[in-house]
PDB file of all heavy atoms in Angstrom:
ATOM      1  N   GLY A   1       0.822  -1.198   0.000  1.00  0.00           N
ATOM      2  CA  GLY A   1       0.000   0.000   0.000  1.00  0.00           C
ATOM      3  C   GLY A   1       0.859   1.252   0.000  1.00  0.00           C
ATOM      4  O   GLY A   1       1.975   1.245   0.517  1.00  0.00           O
ATOM      5  N   GLN A   2       0.375   2.294  -0.599  1.00  0.00           N
ATOM      6  CA  GLN A   2       1.073   3.570  -0.657  1.00  0.00           C
ATOM      7  C   GLN A   2       0.123   4.645  -0.151  1.00  0.00           C
ATOM      8  O   GLN A   2      -1.059   4.406   0.064  1.00  0.00           O
ATOM      9  CB  GLN A   2       1.500   3.883  -2.104  1.00  0.00           C
ATOM     10  CG  GLN A   2       2.487   2.871  -2.689  1.00  0.00           C
ATOM     11  CD  GLN A   2       3.903   3.108  -2.235  1.00  0.00           C
ATOM     12  OE1 GLN A   2       4.203   4.138  -1.652  1.00  0.00           O
ATOM     13  NE2 GLN A   2       4.788   2.154  -2.498  1.00  0.00           N
ATOM     14  N   GLY A   3       0.659   5.832   0.041  1.00  0.00           N
ATOM     15  CA  GLY A   3      -0.171   6.932   0.474  1.00  0.00           C
ATOM     16  C   GLY A   3       0.627   7.962   1.233  1.00  0.00           C
ATOM     17  O   GLY A   3       1.835   7.792   1.499  1.00  0.00           O
ATOM     18  N   ALA A   4      -0.040   9.028   1.620  1.00  0.00           N
ATOM     19  CA  ALA A   4       0.643  10.107   2.341  1.00  0.00           C
ATOM     20  C   ALA A   4       1.175   9.630   3.683  1.00  0.00           C
ATOM     21  O   ALA A   4       2.143  10.196   4.209  1.00  0.00           O
ATOM     22  CB  ALA A   4      -0.331  11.275   2.539  1.00  0.00           C
ATOM     23  N   TRP A   5       0.564   8.576   4.257  1.00  0.00           N
ATOM     24  CA  TRP A   5       1.006   8.074   5.557  1.00  0.00           C
ATOM     25  C   TRP A   5       2.457   7.604   5.507  1.00  0.00           C
ATOM     26  O   TRP A   5       3.159   7.648   6.527  1.00  0.00           O
ATOM     27  CB  TRP A   5       0.101   6.932   6.022  1.00  0.00           C
ATOM     28  CG  TRP A   5       0.216   5.691   5.180  1.00  0.00           C
ATOM     29  CD1 TRP A   5      -0.506   5.386   4.074  1.00  0.00           C
ATOM     30  CD2 TRP A   5       1.119   4.603   5.391  1.00  0.00           C
ATOM     31  NE1 TRP A   5      -0.115   4.173   3.562  1.00  0.00           N
ATOM     32  CE2 TRP A   5       0.883   3.670   4.355  1.00  0.00           C
ATOM     33  CE3 TRP A   5       2.093   4.322   6.341  1.00  0.00           C
ATOM     34  CZ2 TRP A   5       1.588   2.474   4.250  1.00  0.00           C
ATOM     35  CZ3 TRP A   5       2.809   3.132   6.246  1.00  0.00           C
ATOM     36  CH2 TRP A   5       2.549   2.223   5.219  1.00  0.00           C
ATOM     37  N   VAL A   6       2.924   7.158   4.331  1.00  0.00           N
ATOM     38  CA  VAL A   6       4.314   6.693   4.206  1.00  0.00           C
ATOM     39  C   VAL A   6       5.271   7.819   4.533  1.00  0.00           C
ATOM     40  O   VAL A   6       6.185   7.679   5.364  1.00  0.00           O
ATOM     41  CB  VAL A   6       4.571   6.155   2.779  1.00  0.00           C
ATOM     42  CG1 VAL A   6       6.055   5.898   2.559  1.00  0.00           C
ATOM     43  CG2 VAL A   6       3.765   4.877   2.550  1.00  0.00           C
ATOM     44  N   TRP A   7       5.060   8.953   3.918  1.00  0.00           N
ATOM     45  CA  TRP A   7       5.973  10.075   4.138  1.00  0.00           C
ATOM     46  C   TRP A   7       5.771  10.683   5.520  1.00  0.00           C
ATOM     47  O   TRP A   7       6.723  11.179   6.131  1.00  0.00           O
ATOM     48  CB  TRP A   7       5.775  11.115   3.042  1.00  0.00           C
ATOM     49  CG  TRP A   7       5.990  10.488   1.697  1.00  0.00           C
ATOM     50  CD1 TRP A   7       5.057  10.253   0.730  1.00  0.00           C
ATOM     51  CD2 TRP A   7       7.233   9.965   1.204  1.00  0.00           C
ATOM     52  NE1 TRP A   7       5.619   9.619  -0.340  1.00  0.00           N
ATOM     53  CE2 TRP A   7       6.955   9.439  -0.086  1.00  0.00           C
ATOM     54  CE3 TRP A   7       8.530   9.889   1.703  1.00  0.00           C
ATOM     55  CZ2 TRP A   7       7.935   8.843  -0.866  1.00  0.00           C
ATOM     56  CZ3 TRP A   7       9.515   9.295   0.918  1.00  0.00           C
ATOM     57  CH2 TRP A   7       9.219   8.789  -0.339  1.00  0.00           C
ATOM     58  N   ALA A   8       4.564  10.602   6.044  1.00  0.00           N
ATOM     59  CA  ALA A   8       4.333  11.083   7.402  1.00  0.00           C
ATOM     60  C   ALA A   8       5.101  10.235   8.416  1.00  0.00           C
ATOM     61  O   ALA A   8       5.706  10.757   9.360  1.00  0.00           O
ATOM     62  CB  ALA A   8       2.837  11.063   7.717  1.00  0.00           C
ATOM     63  N   ALA A   9       5.095   8.905   8.214  1.00  0.00           N
ATOM     64  CA  ALA A   9       5.815   8.013   9.127  1.00  0.00           C
ATOM     65  C   ALA A   9       7.315   8.246   9.050  1.00  0.00           C
ATOM     66  O   ALA A   9       8.013   8.306  10.074  1.00  0.00           O
ATOM     67  CB  ALA A   9       5.479   6.564   8.798  1.00  0.00           C
ATOM     68  N   LEU A  10       7.841   8.395   7.831  1.00  0.00           N
ATOM     69  CA  LEU A  10       9.275   8.616   7.672  1.00  0.00           C
ATOM     70  C   LEU A  10       9.684   9.971   8.241  1.00  0.00           C
ATOM     71  O   LEU A  10      10.744  10.100   8.876  1.00  0.00           O
ATOM     72  CB  LEU A  10       9.653   8.516   6.196  1.00  0.00           C
ATOM     73  CG  LEU A  10       9.450   7.136   5.553  1.00  0.00           C
ATOM     74  CD1 LEU A  10       9.792   7.181   4.072  1.00  0.00           C
ATOM     75  CD2 LEU A  10      10.300   6.089   6.261  1.00  0.00           C
ATOM     76  N   ALA A  11       8.850  10.992   8.024  1.00  0.00           N
ATOM     77  CA  ALA A  11       9.152  12.318   8.573  1.00  0.00           C
ATOM     78  C   ALA A  11       9.127  12.286  10.094  1.00  0.00           C
ATOM     79  O   ALA A  11       9.966  12.905  10.765  1.00  0.00           O
ATOM     80  CB  ALA A  11       8.150  13.346   8.042  1.00  0.00           C
ATOM     81  N   GLY A  12       8.173  11.549  10.666  1.00  0.00           N
ATOM     82  CA  GLY A  12       8.110  11.436  12.120  1.00  0.00           C
ATOM     83  C   GLY A  12       9.336  10.739  12.684  1.00  0.00           C
ATOM     84  O   GLY A  12       9.860  11.130  13.737  1.00  0.00           O
ATOM     85  N   TYR A  13       9.815   9.712  11.993  1.00  0.00           N
ATOM     86  CA  TYR A  13      11.014   8.997  12.433  1.00  0.00           C
ATOM     87  C   TYR A  13      12.234   9.910  12.379  1.00  0.00           C
ATOM     88  O   TYR A  13      13.048   9.954  13.314  1.00  0.00           O
ATOM     89  CB  TYR A  13      11.222   7.772  11.544  1.00  0.00           C
ATOM     90  CG  TYR A  13      12.336   6.851  11.992  1.00  0.00           C
ATOM     91  CD1 TYR A  13      12.316   6.241  13.241  1.00  0.00           C
ATOM     92  CD2 TYR A  13      13.408   6.575  11.143  1.00  0.00           C
ATOM     93  CE1 TYR A  13      13.328   5.386  13.635  1.00  0.00           C
ATOM     94  CE2 TYR A  13      14.421   5.723  11.525  1.00  0.00           C
ATOM     95  CZ  TYR A  13      14.379   5.128  12.776  1.00  0.00           C
ATOM     96  OH  TYR A  13      15.395   4.279  13.156  1.00  0.00           O
ATOM     97  N   ALA A  14      12.363  10.667  11.286  1.00  0.00           N
ATOM     98  CA  ALA A  14      13.488  11.597  11.161  1.00  0.00           C
ATOM     99  C   ALA A  14      13.409  12.692  12.228  1.00  0.00           C
ATOM    100  O   ALA A  14      14.442  13.069  12.812  1.00  0.00           O
ATOM    101  CB  ALA A  14      13.499  12.218   9.760  1.00  0.00           C
ATOM    102  N   ALA A  15      12.211  13.190  12.504  1.00  0.00           N
ATOM    103  CA  ALA A  15      12.053  14.222  13.528  1.00  0.00           C
ATOM    104  C   ALA A  15      12.428  13.681  14.906  1.00  0.00           C
ATOM    105  O   ALA A  15      13.052  14.384  15.716  1.00  0.00           O
ATOM    106  CB  ALA A  15      10.617  14.733  13.527  1.00  0.00           C
ATOM    107  N   ALA A  16      12.065  12.422  15.177  1.00  0.00           N
ATOM    108  CA  ALA A  16      12.428  11.823  16.462  1.00  0.00           C
ATOM    109  C   ALA A  16      13.942  11.695  16.590  1.00  0.00           C
ATOM    110  O   ALA A  16      14.516  11.950  17.659  1.00  0.00           O
ATOM    111  CB  ALA A  16      11.758  10.460  16.599  1.00  0.00           C
ATOM    112  N   ALA A  17      14.602  11.310  15.489  1.00  0.00           N
ATOM    113  CA  ALA A  17      16.062  11.198  15.521  1.00  0.00           C
ATOM    114  C   ALA A  17      16.703  12.562  15.789  1.00  0.00           C
ATOM    115  O   ALA A  17      17.678  12.671  16.551  1.00  0.00           O
ATOM    116  CB  ALA A  17      16.567  10.612  14.200  1.00  0.00           C
ATOM    117  N   TRP A  18      16.173  13.608  15.195  1.00  0.00           N
ATOM    118  CA  TRP A  18      16.710  14.949  15.424  1.00  0.00           C
ATOM    119  C   TRP A  18      16.498  15.383  16.870  1.00  0.00           C
ATOM    120  O   TRP A  18      17.396  15.947  17.500  1.00  0.00           O
ATOM    121  CB  TRP A  18      16.038  15.933  14.464  1.00  0.00           C
ATOM    122  CG  TRP A  18      16.456  17.360  14.689  1.00  0.00           C
ATOM    123  CD1 TRP A  18      15.759  18.331  15.339  1.00  0.00           C
ATOM    124  CD2 TRP A  18      17.685  17.963  14.267  1.00  0.00           C
ATOM    125  NE1 TRP A  18      16.457  19.509  15.360  1.00  0.00           N
ATOM    126  CE2 TRP A  18      17.656  19.312  14.700  1.00  0.00           C
ATOM    127  CE3 TRP A  18      18.792  17.505  13.556  1.00  0.00           C
ATOM    128  CZ2 TRP A  18      18.699  20.195  14.445  1.00  0.00           C
ATOM    129  CZ3 TRP A  18      19.825  18.392  13.311  1.00  0.00           C
ATOM    130  CH2 TRP A  18      19.780  19.723  13.756  1.00  0.00           C
ATOM    131  N   THR A  19      15.327  15.074  17.398  1.00  0.00           N
ATOM    132  CA  THR A  19      15.020  15.452  18.783  1.00  0.00           C
ATOM    133  C   THR A  19      15.957  14.762  19.773  1.00  0.00           C
ATOM    134  O   THR A  19      16.359  15.361  20.783  1.00  0.00           O
ATOM    135  CB  THR A  19      13.562  15.095  19.107  1.00  0.00           C
ATOM    136  OG1 THR A  19      12.699  15.779  18.196  1.00  0.00           O
ATOM    137  CG2 THR A  19      13.205  15.482  20.537  1.00  0.00           C
ATOM    138  N   LEU A  20      16.324  13.516  19.472  1.00  0.00           N
ATOM    139  CA  LEU A  20      17.152  12.727  20.400  1.00  0.00           C
ATOM    140  C   LEU A  20      18.640  12.795  20.077  1.00  0.00           C
ATOM    141  O   LEU A  20      19.424  12.042  20.652  1.00  0.00           O
ATOM    142  CB  LEU A  20      16.700  11.260  20.369  1.00  0.00           C
ATOM    143  CG  LEU A  20      15.258  10.981  20.812  1.00  0.00           C
ATOM    144  CD1 LEU A  20      14.923   9.508  20.623  1.00  0.00           C
ATOM    145  CD2 LEU A  20      15.051  11.397  22.264  1.00  0.00           C
ATOM    146  N   ARG A  21      19.036  13.715  19.215  1.00  0.00           N
ATOM    147  CA  ARG A  21      20.425  13.731  18.739  1.00  0.00           C
ATOM    148  C   ARG A  21      21.430  13.944  19.865  1.00  0.00           C
ATOM    149  O   ARG A  21      22.599  13.556  19.728  1.00  0.00           O
ATOM    150  CB  ARG A  21      20.591  14.793  17.656  1.00  0.00           C
ATOM    151  CG  ARG A  21      20.435  16.228  18.139  1.00  0.00           C
ATOM    152  CD  ARG A  21      20.383  17.198  16.978  1.00  0.00           C
ATOM    153  NE  ARG A  21      20.336  18.600  17.407  1.00  0.00           N
ATOM    154  CZ  ARG A  21      19.233  19.207  17.840  1.00  0.00           C
ATOM    155  NH1 ARG A  21      18.082  18.538  17.892  1.00  0.00           N
ATOM    156  NH2 ARG A  21      19.276  20.480  18.212  1.00  0.00           N
ATOM    157  N   ARG A  22      21.036  14.564  20.967  1.00  0.00           N
ATOM    158  CA  ARG A  22      21.956  14.812  22.083  1.00  0.00           C
ATOM    159  C   ARG A  22      21.729  13.835  23.242  1.00  0.00           C
ATOM    160  O   ARG A  22      22.248  14.049  24.330  1.00  0.00           O
ATOM    161  CB  ARG A  22      21.802  16.259  22.568  1.00  0.00           C
ATOM    162  CG  ARG A  22      22.093  17.294  21.487  1.00  0.00           C
ATOM    163  CD  ARG A  22      22.127  18.696  22.054  1.00  0.00           C
ATOM    164  NE  ARG A  22      22.228  19.695  21.022  1.00  0.00           N
ATOM    165  CZ  ARG A  22      23.353  20.039  20.377  1.00  0.00           C
ATOM    166  NH1 ARG A  22      24.487  19.434  20.693  1.00  0.00           N
ATOM    167  NH2 ARG A  22      23.345  20.977  19.447  1.00  0.00           N
ATOM    168  N   ARG A  23      20.958  12.807  22.994  1.00  0.00           N
ATOM    169  CA  ARG A  23      20.712  11.780  24.014  1.00  0.00           C
ATOM    170  C   ARG A  23      21.157  10.436  23.434  1.00  0.00           C
ATOM    171  O   ARG A  23      20.383   9.723  22.804  1.00  0.00           O
ATOM    172  CB  ARG A  23      19.228  11.762  24.405  1.00  0.00           C
ATOM    173  CG  ARG A  23      18.762  13.107  24.987  1.00  0.00           C
ATOM    174  CD  ARG A  23      17.248  13.186  25.122  1.00  0.00           C
ATOM    175  NE  ARG A  23      16.729  12.198  26.072  1.00  0.00           N
ATOM    176  CZ  ARG A  23      15.427  12.103  26.370  1.00  0.00           C
ATOM    177  NH1 ARG A  23      14.537  12.924  25.787  1.00  0.00           N
ATOM    178  NH2 ARG A  23      15.014  11.194  27.239  1.00  0.00           N
ATOM    179  N   PRO A  24      22.425  10.108  23.599  1.00  0.00           N
ATOM    180  CA  PRO A  24      23.030   8.993  22.846  1.00  0.00           C
ATOM    181  C   PRO A  24      22.327   7.654  23.013  1.00  0.00           C
ATOM    182  O   PRO A  24      22.146   6.934  22.025  1.00  0.00           O
ATOM    183  CB  PRO A  24      24.462   8.938  23.388  1.00  0.00           C
ATOM    184  CG  PRO A  24      24.722  10.304  23.917  1.00  0.00           C
ATOM    185  CD  PRO A  24      23.417  10.800  24.438  1.00  0.00           C
ATOM    186  N   ARG A  25      21.960   7.297  24.222  1.00  0.00           N
ATOM    187  CA  ARG A  25      21.344   5.988  24.414  1.00  0.00           C
ATOM    188  C   ARG A  25      19.995   5.913  23.716  1.00  0.00           C
ATOM    189  O   ARG A  25      19.670   4.924  23.040  1.00  0.00           O
ATOM    190  CB  ARG A  25      21.178   5.702  25.908  1.00  0.00           C
ATOM    191  CG  ARG A  25      22.489   5.679  26.666  1.00  0.00           C
ATOM    192  CD  ARG A  25      22.252   5.397  28.144  1.00  0.00           C
ATOM    193  NE  ARG A  25      23.263   6.083  28.939  1.00  0.00           N
ATOM    194  CZ  ARG A  25      23.365   5.987  30.255  1.00  0.00           C
ATOM    195  NH1 ARG A  25      22.513   5.248  30.924  1.00  0.00           N
ATOM    196  NH2 ARG A  25      24.309   6.632  30.907  1.00  0.00           N
ATOM    197  N   GLU A  26      19.179   6.959  23.875  1.00  0.00           N
ATOM    198  CA  GLU A  26      17.876   6.984  23.222  1.00  0.00           C
ATOM    199  C   GLU A  26      18.027   7.015  21.705  1.00  0.00           C
ATOM    200  O   GLU A  26      17.264   6.366  20.977  1.00  0.00           O
ATOM    201  CB  GLU A  26      17.072   8.198  23.697  1.00  0.00           C
ATOM    202  CG  GLU A  26      16.596   8.107  25.132  1.00  0.00           C
ATOM    203  CD  GLU A  26      17.656   8.577  26.134  1.00  0.00           C
ATOM    204  OE1 GLU A  26      18.824   8.766  25.735  1.00  0.00           O
ATOM    205  OE2 GLU A  26      17.311   8.754  27.329  1.00  0.00           O
ATOM    206  N   LEU A  27      19.014   7.767  21.216  1.00  0.00           N
ATOM    207  CA  LEU A  27      19.232   7.828  19.772  1.00  0.00           C
ATOM    208  C   LEU A  27      19.621   6.465  19.233  1.00  0.00           C
ATOM    209  O   LEU A  27      19.134   6.046  18.171  1.00  0.00           O
ATOM    210  CB  LEU A  27      20.322   8.857  19.454  1.00  0.00           C
ATOM    211  CG  LEU A  27      20.679   8.999  17.970  1.00  0.00           C
ATOM    212  CD1 LEU A  27      19.465   9.455  17.160  1.00  0.00           C
ATOM    213  CD2 LEU A  27      21.840   9.974  17.789  1.00  0.00           C
TER     214      LEU A  27
END
């Protein structure tokens, strides 16, 4: 399946990685 949810999920994952960039264990 495809759809806008694909890019929303990937963007959310990237945003989480950016948020945790200074927390090594969580990252």
